[in-house]
Amino acid sequence: MNVRILGIDPGSRVTGYGVIEIKQNQYQYLGSGCIRTVAEDWVMRLQQIYQGVREVILQYQPQELAIEQVFMHRNANSALKLGQARGAAIVAVDLPVHEYAAREIKKAIVGYGAADKTQVQHMIKQMLGLKGLMAADAADALAIAVCHAHTREWKLRGL
């Protein structure tokens, strides 16, 4: 059975998205990009995130959402804003939602929970057969989708 997974890397200024499909136990890249908010008003930025995610849903028709969990910044206000951006993305979908910690995502992709962004980006490009430049937020979103695909597979196998 084919399954389309939307990965979201939430952010208040840039929200990355990546869509993959599991087809015959292979991961197929369908698309990725960034939703960039331009409004200065905070509520308008949340609405732009919501609308951007809705457009991605309509374009790719995923069946599941994988999203990064909020981690505590040094600045509580930043963590709160990240949580709100994440909430705007979640309410934009009517799909099962699966959450993953940043360390868990890095470990699934690179094999090391403290890997840096360039290592994650490199591995995602290798795994999905992609070439050229890729926005870091889009690569992170694809990593979240692939992490969920791995987790799904392990659960199906009873591991």
Protein backbone atom coordinates (compact mmCIF):
# COMPACT_ATOMS: atom_id res chain seq x y z
CA MET A 1 0.00 0.00 0.00
CA ASN A 2 1.36 3.42 -0.95
CA VAL A 3 1.44 6.09 1.74
CA ARG A 4 2.19 9.78 1.30
CA ILE A 5 3.83 11.53 4.24
CA LEU A 6 4.09 15.28 4.75
CA GLY A 7 7.00 16.35 6.94
CA ILE A 8 6.87 19.82 8.51
CA ASP A 9 9.77 21.74 10.06
CA PRO A 10 7.88 24.57 11.77
CA GLY A 11 9.23 28.08 12.10
CA SER A 12 7.79 31.53 12.68
CA ARG A 13 9.54 33.04 9.63
CA VAL A 14 10.21 29.93 7.51
CA THR A 15 8.30 26.65 7.71
CA GLY A 16 9.84 23.84 5.69
CA TYR A 17 7.79 21.08 4.11
CA GLY A 18 8.70 17.85 2.39
CA VAL A 19 6.51 15.17 0.86
CA ILE A 20 7.54 11.58 0.23
CA GLU A 21 5.67 8.48 -0.81
CA ILE A 22 6.37 4.97 0.38
CA LYS A 23 5.95 2.80 -2.70
CA GLN A 24 6.93 -0.87 -2.63
CA ASN A 25 9.18 -0.26 0.42
CA GLN A 26 11.01 2.55 -1.40
CA TYR A 27 10.92 6.24 -0.53
CA GLN A 28 10.01 8.44 -3.45
CA TYR A 29 10.52 12.21 -3.32
CA LEU A 30 7.41 14.13 -4.37
CA GLY A 31 8.24 17.70 -3.44
CA SER A 32 9.60 20.11 -0.87
CA GLY A 33 9.94 23.80 -0.20
CA CYS A 34 9.47 26.59 2.27
CA ILE A 35 6.49 28.61 3.41
CA ARG A 36 7.90 32.07 4.08
CA THR A 37 5.91 34.49 6.17
CA VAL A 38 6.17 38.12 5.19
CA ALA A 39 3.68 39.81 7.51
CA GLU A 40 4.96 41.80 10.48
CA ASP A 41 1.78 41.13 12.45
CA TRP A 42 2.17 37.87 14.41
CA VAL A 43 -1.39 36.66 13.84
CA MET A 44 -1.04 37.28 10.10
CA ARG A 45 2.16 35.19 10.06
CA LEU A 46 0.30 32.31 11.73
CA GLN A 47 -2.44 32.64 9.11
CA GLN A 48 0.20 32.53 6.34
CA ILE A 49 1.62 29.31 7.81
CA TYR A 50 -1.87 27.81 8.02
CA GLN A 51 -2.71 28.81 4.43
CA GLY A 52 0.65 27.62 3.09
CA VAL A 53 0.20 24.19 4.69
CA ARG A 54 -3.36 24.00 3.29
CA GLU A 55 -1.97 24.63 -0.21
CA VAL A 56 0.64 21.88 0.24
CA ILE A 57 -2.11 19.48 1.39
CA LEU A 58 -4.24 20.26 -1.67
CA GLN A 59 -1.29 19.85 -4.03
CA TYR A 60 0.16 16.59 -2.67
CA GLN A 61 -2.75 14.88 -0.87
CA PRO A 62 -0.69 13.28 1.94
CA GLN A 63 -2.26 10.72 4.28
CA GLU A 64 -0.06 11.37 7.33
CA LEU A 65 1.74 14.33 8.92
CA ALA A 66 5.09 14.13 10.69
CA ILE A 67 6.24 17.22 12.57
CA GLU A 68 9.12 18.18 14.80
CA GLN A 69 8.37 18.59 18.50
CA VAL A 70 9.03 21.93 20.16
CA PHE A 71 12.29 22.07 22.02
CA MET A 72 13.04 24.57 24.75
CA HIS A 73 15.13 27.49 23.56
CA ARG A 74 17.13 29.62 25.93
CA ASN A 75 14.48 32.22 25.24
CA ALA A 76 11.01 31.14 26.42
CA ASN A 77 9.35 33.66 24.09
CA SER A 78 11.03 32.01 21.07
CA ALA A 79 9.82 28.59 22.19
CA LEU A 80 6.31 29.94 22.60
CA LYS A 81 6.32 31.42 19.08
CA LEU A 82 7.69 28.19 17.63
CA GLY A 83 4.91 26.28 19.40
CA GLN A 84 2.30 28.61 17.95
CA ALA A 85 3.73 28.22 14.43
CA ARG A 86 3.70 24.47 14.92
CA GLY A 87 0.07 24.65 16.09
CA ALA A 88 -0.92 26.64 12.99
CA ALA A 89 0.58 23.91 10.79
CA ILE A 90 -1.12 21.10 12.73
CA VAL A 91 -4.60 22.63 12.62
CA ALA A 92 -4.24 23.12 8.85
CA VAL A 93 -4.36 19.36 8.31
CA ASP A 94 -7.03 16.74 8.89
CA LEU A 95 -4.55 13.88 9.09
CA PRO A 96 -2.99 11.62 11.70
CA VAL A 97 -0.17 13.62 13.32
CA HIS A 98 3.12 12.05 14.41
CA GLU A 99 5.67 14.02 16.44
CA TYR A 100 9.42 13.51 16.64
CA ALA A 101 12.17 15.10 18.70
CA ALA A 102 15.07 16.68 16.81
CA ARG A 103 17.57 14.14 18.20
CA GLU A 104 15.32 11.26 17.16
CA ILE A 105 15.10 12.63 13.59
CA LYS A 106 18.87 13.10 13.32
CA LYS A 107 19.52 9.62 14.66
CA ALA A 108 17.10 8.08 12.13
CA ILE A 109 18.72 9.92 9.21
CA VAL A 110 22.42 10.18 10.11
CA GLY A 111 22.73 7.58 12.88
CA TYR A 112 23.84 10.24 15.34
CA GLY A 113 21.45 12.36 17.44
CA ALA A 114 23.78 15.38 17.56
CA ALA A 115 24.39 15.56 13.79
CA ASP A 116 24.50 19.04 12.28
CA LYS A 117 22.22 20.42 9.57
CA THR A 118 24.71 19.84 6.76
CA GLN A 119 25.01 16.15 7.65
CA VAL A 120 21.22 15.76 7.68
CA GLN A 121 20.92 17.60 4.36
CA HIS A 122 23.62 15.43 2.76
CA MET A 123 22.02 12.17 3.92
CA ILE A 124 18.53 13.21 2.81
CA LYS A 125 19.84 14.03 -0.65
CA GLN A 126 21.58 10.63 -0.80
CA MET A 127 18.54 8.71 0.48
CA LEU A 128 16.13 10.35 -1.95
CA GLY A 129 18.50 10.64 -4.92
CA LEU A 130 18.37 14.46 -5.00
CA LYS A 131 20.97 16.78 -6.47
CA GLY A 132 21.67 20.47 -6.28
CA LEU A 133 21.03 23.02 -3.60
CA MET A 134 18.26 22.53 -1.09
CA ALA A 135 16.96 24.91 1.55
CA ALA A 136 17.89 23.71 5.03
CA ASP A 137 14.27 23.96 6.23
CA ALA A 138 13.04 21.82 3.31
CA ALA A 139 15.78 19.23 3.95
CA ASP A 140 14.81 19.13 7.64
CA ALA A 141 11.16 18.61 6.68
CA LEU A 142 12.11 15.73 4.39
CA ALA A 143 14.19 14.26 7.23
CA ILE A 144 11.12 14.39 9.48
CA ALA A 145 9.05 12.60 6.81
CA VAL A 146 11.73 9.92 6.33
CA CYS A 147 12.07 9.48 10.10
CA HIS A 148 8.34 8.83 10.27
CA ALA A 149 8.54 6.41 7.34
CA HIS A 150 11.28 4.46 9.19
CA THR A 151 9.25 4.45 12.41
CA ARG A 152 6.14 3.30 10.53
CA GLU A 153 8.08 0.45 8.97
CA TRP A 154 9.52 -0.65 12.33
CA LYS A 155 6.04 -0.64 13.89
CA LEU A 156 4.60 -2.68 11.01
CA ARG A 157 7.36 -5.24 11.53
CA GLY A 158 6.73 -5.30 15.27
CA LEU A 159 10.17 -3.95 16.18
